[in-house]
Amino acid sequence: MRVTLVLYGEHALKHGPRRELEVEEGKSVRELLRELGISPAEHHILVNERKVTDCRLKDGDVVKVLPVVYGG
């Protein structure tokens, strides 16, 4: 199945801002991010514009990975 990965910040520079990926059926968001070396604890994850901590991906999903920003 195919999903679209949209990245921001340093990961967009490393992997590109938008990628179409072929993933196995039933793969979770956390599994995908782990394979890419991206920590879910340091990012906001949205699947089809809904914030998630984890879920099983489906064909056509759009996964956005936004870095948590600290500072003041």
C-alpha atoms as a PDB file:
ATOM      1  CA  MET A   1       0.000   0.000   0.000  1.00  0.00           C
ATOM      2  CA  ARG A   2       1.092   3.588  -0.534  1.00  0.00           C
ATOM      3  CA  VAL A   3       1.182   6.416   1.997  1.00  0.00           C
ATOM      4  CA  THR A   4       2.381  10.008   1.710  1.00  0.00           C
ATOM      5  CA  LEU A   5       4.885  11.245   4.282  1.00  0.00           C
ATOM      6  CA  VAL A   6       5.140  15.018   4.809  1.00  0.00           C
ATOM      7  CA  LEU A   7       8.116  16.164   6.871  1.00  0.00           C
ATOM      8  CA  TYR A   8       9.110  19.514   8.365  1.00  0.00           C
ATOM      9  CA  GLY A   9      12.304  20.886   9.909  1.00  0.00           C
ATOM     10  CA  GLU A  10      15.532  18.889   9.942  1.00  0.00           C
ATOM     11  CA  HIS A  11      13.862  15.701   8.715  1.00  0.00           C
ATOM     12  CA  ALA A  12      12.556  17.514   5.631  1.00  0.00           C
ATOM     13  CA  LEU A  13      16.136  18.535   4.884  1.00  0.00           C
ATOM     14  CA  LYS A  14      17.377  14.976   5.418  1.00  0.00           C
ATOM     15  CA  HIS A  15      14.621  12.965   3.679  1.00  0.00           C
ATOM     16  CA  GLY A  16      12.856  15.591   1.541  1.00  0.00           C
ATOM     17  CA  PRO A  17       9.653  17.454   2.450  1.00  0.00           C
ATOM     18  CA  ARG A  18       7.229  15.021   0.787  1.00  0.00           C
ATOM     19  CA  ARG A  19       7.626  11.363  -0.096  1.00  0.00           C
ATOM     20  CA  GLU A  20       5.385   8.644  -1.440  1.00  0.00           C
ATOM     21  CA  LEU A  21       6.209   5.391   0.345  1.00  0.00           C
ATOM     22  CA  GLU A  22       5.284   1.791  -0.256  1.00  0.00           C
ATOM     23  CA  VAL A  23       4.642   0.162   3.154  1.00  0.00           C
ATOM     24  CA  GLU A  24       3.449  -3.246   4.288  1.00  0.00           C
ATOM     25  CA  GLU A  25      -0.218  -3.776   5.154  1.00  0.00           C
ATOM     26  CA  GLY A  26      -0.879  -3.218   8.855  1.00  0.00           C
ATOM     27  CA  LYS A  27       2.261  -1.170   9.558  1.00  0.00           C
ATOM     28  CA  SER A  28       1.838   1.336  12.370  1.00  0.00           C
ATOM     29  CA  VAL A  29       2.901   4.973  12.335  1.00  0.00           C
ATOM     30  CA  ARG A  30       5.440   4.279  15.097  1.00  0.00           C
ATOM     31  CA  GLU A  31       6.986   1.417  13.123  1.00  0.00           C
ATOM     32  CA  LEU A  32       7.341   3.618  10.048  1.00  0.00           C
ATOM     33  CA  LEU A  33       8.929   6.450  12.016  1.00  0.00           C
ATOM     34  CA  ARG A  34      11.304   4.068  13.801  1.00  0.00           C
ATOM     35  CA  GLU A  35      12.507   2.789  10.398  1.00  0.00           C
ATOM     36  CA  LEU A  36      13.218   6.391   9.353  1.00  0.00           C
ATOM     37  CA  GLY A  37      15.022   7.244  12.603  1.00  0.00           C
ATOM     38  CA  ILE A  38      12.361   9.738  13.700  1.00  0.00           C
ATOM     39  CA  SER A  39      11.372   9.895  17.384  1.00  0.00           C
ATOM     40  CA  PRO A  40       7.591  10.185  17.885  1.00  0.00           C
ATOM     41  CA  ALA A  41       8.246  11.654  21.351  1.00  0.00           C
ATOM     42  CA  GLU A  42       9.860  14.720  19.747  1.00  0.00           C
ATOM     43  CA  HIS A  43       7.223  15.294  17.059  1.00  0.00           C
ATOM     44  CA  HIS A  44       3.531  15.924  16.548  1.00  0.00           C
ATOM     45  CA  ILE A  45       2.150  13.207  14.275  1.00  0.00           C
ATOM     46  CA  LEU A  46      -0.936  13.794  12.137  1.00  0.00           C
ATOM     47  CA  VAL A  47      -2.597  11.152   9.983  1.00  0.00           C
ATOM     48  CA  ASN A  48      -5.108  12.631   7.552  1.00  0.00           C
ATOM     49  CA  GLU A  49      -5.021  15.891   9.582  1.00  0.00           C
ATOM     50  CA  ARG A  50      -5.884  14.143  12.891  1.00  0.00           C
ATOM     51  CA  LYS A  51      -3.325  14.134  15.698  1.00  0.00           C
ATOM     52  CA  VAL A  52      -2.367  10.597  16.748  1.00  0.00           C
ATOM     53  CA  THR A  53       0.141   8.909  19.009  1.00  0.00           C
ATOM     54  CA  ASP A  54      -0.037   5.702  16.949  1.00  0.00           C
ATOM     55  CA  CYS A  55      -2.373   3.948  14.528  1.00  0.00           C
ATOM     56  CA  ARG A  56      -2.341   1.370  11.766  1.00  0.00           C
ATOM     57  CA  LEU A  57      -1.781   2.915   8.364  1.00  0.00           C
ATOM     58  CA  LYS A  58      -4.168   2.426   5.452  1.00  0.00           C
ATOM     59  CA  ASP A  59      -3.662   2.859   1.736  1.00  0.00           C
ATOM     60  CA  GLY A  60      -3.732   6.543   0.795  1.00  0.00           C
ATOM     61  CA  ASP A  61      -3.043   7.921   4.287  1.00  0.00           C
ATOM     62  CA  VAL A  62      -1.125  11.190   4.604  1.00  0.00           C
ATOM     63  CA  VAL A  63       1.270  11.257   7.580  1.00  0.00           C
ATOM     64  CA  LYS A  64       2.622  14.644   8.675  1.00  0.00           C
ATOM     65  CA  VAL A  65       5.562  14.838  11.081  1.00  0.00           C
ATOM     66  CA  LEU A  66       6.012  18.223  12.762  1.00  0.00           C
ATOM     67  CA  PRO A  67       8.840  18.884  15.238  1.00  0.00           C
ATOM     68  CA  VAL A  68       7.895  20.036  18.716  1.00  0.00           C
ATOM     69  CA  VAL A  69       9.307  23.547  19.135  1.00  0.00           C
ATOM     70  CA  TYR A  70      10.764  24.643  22.466  1.00  0.00           C
ATOM     71  CA  GLY A  71      11.916  28.048  23.540  1.00  0.00           C
ATOM     72  CA  GLY A  72      10.620  31.376  24.468  1.00  0.00           C
END
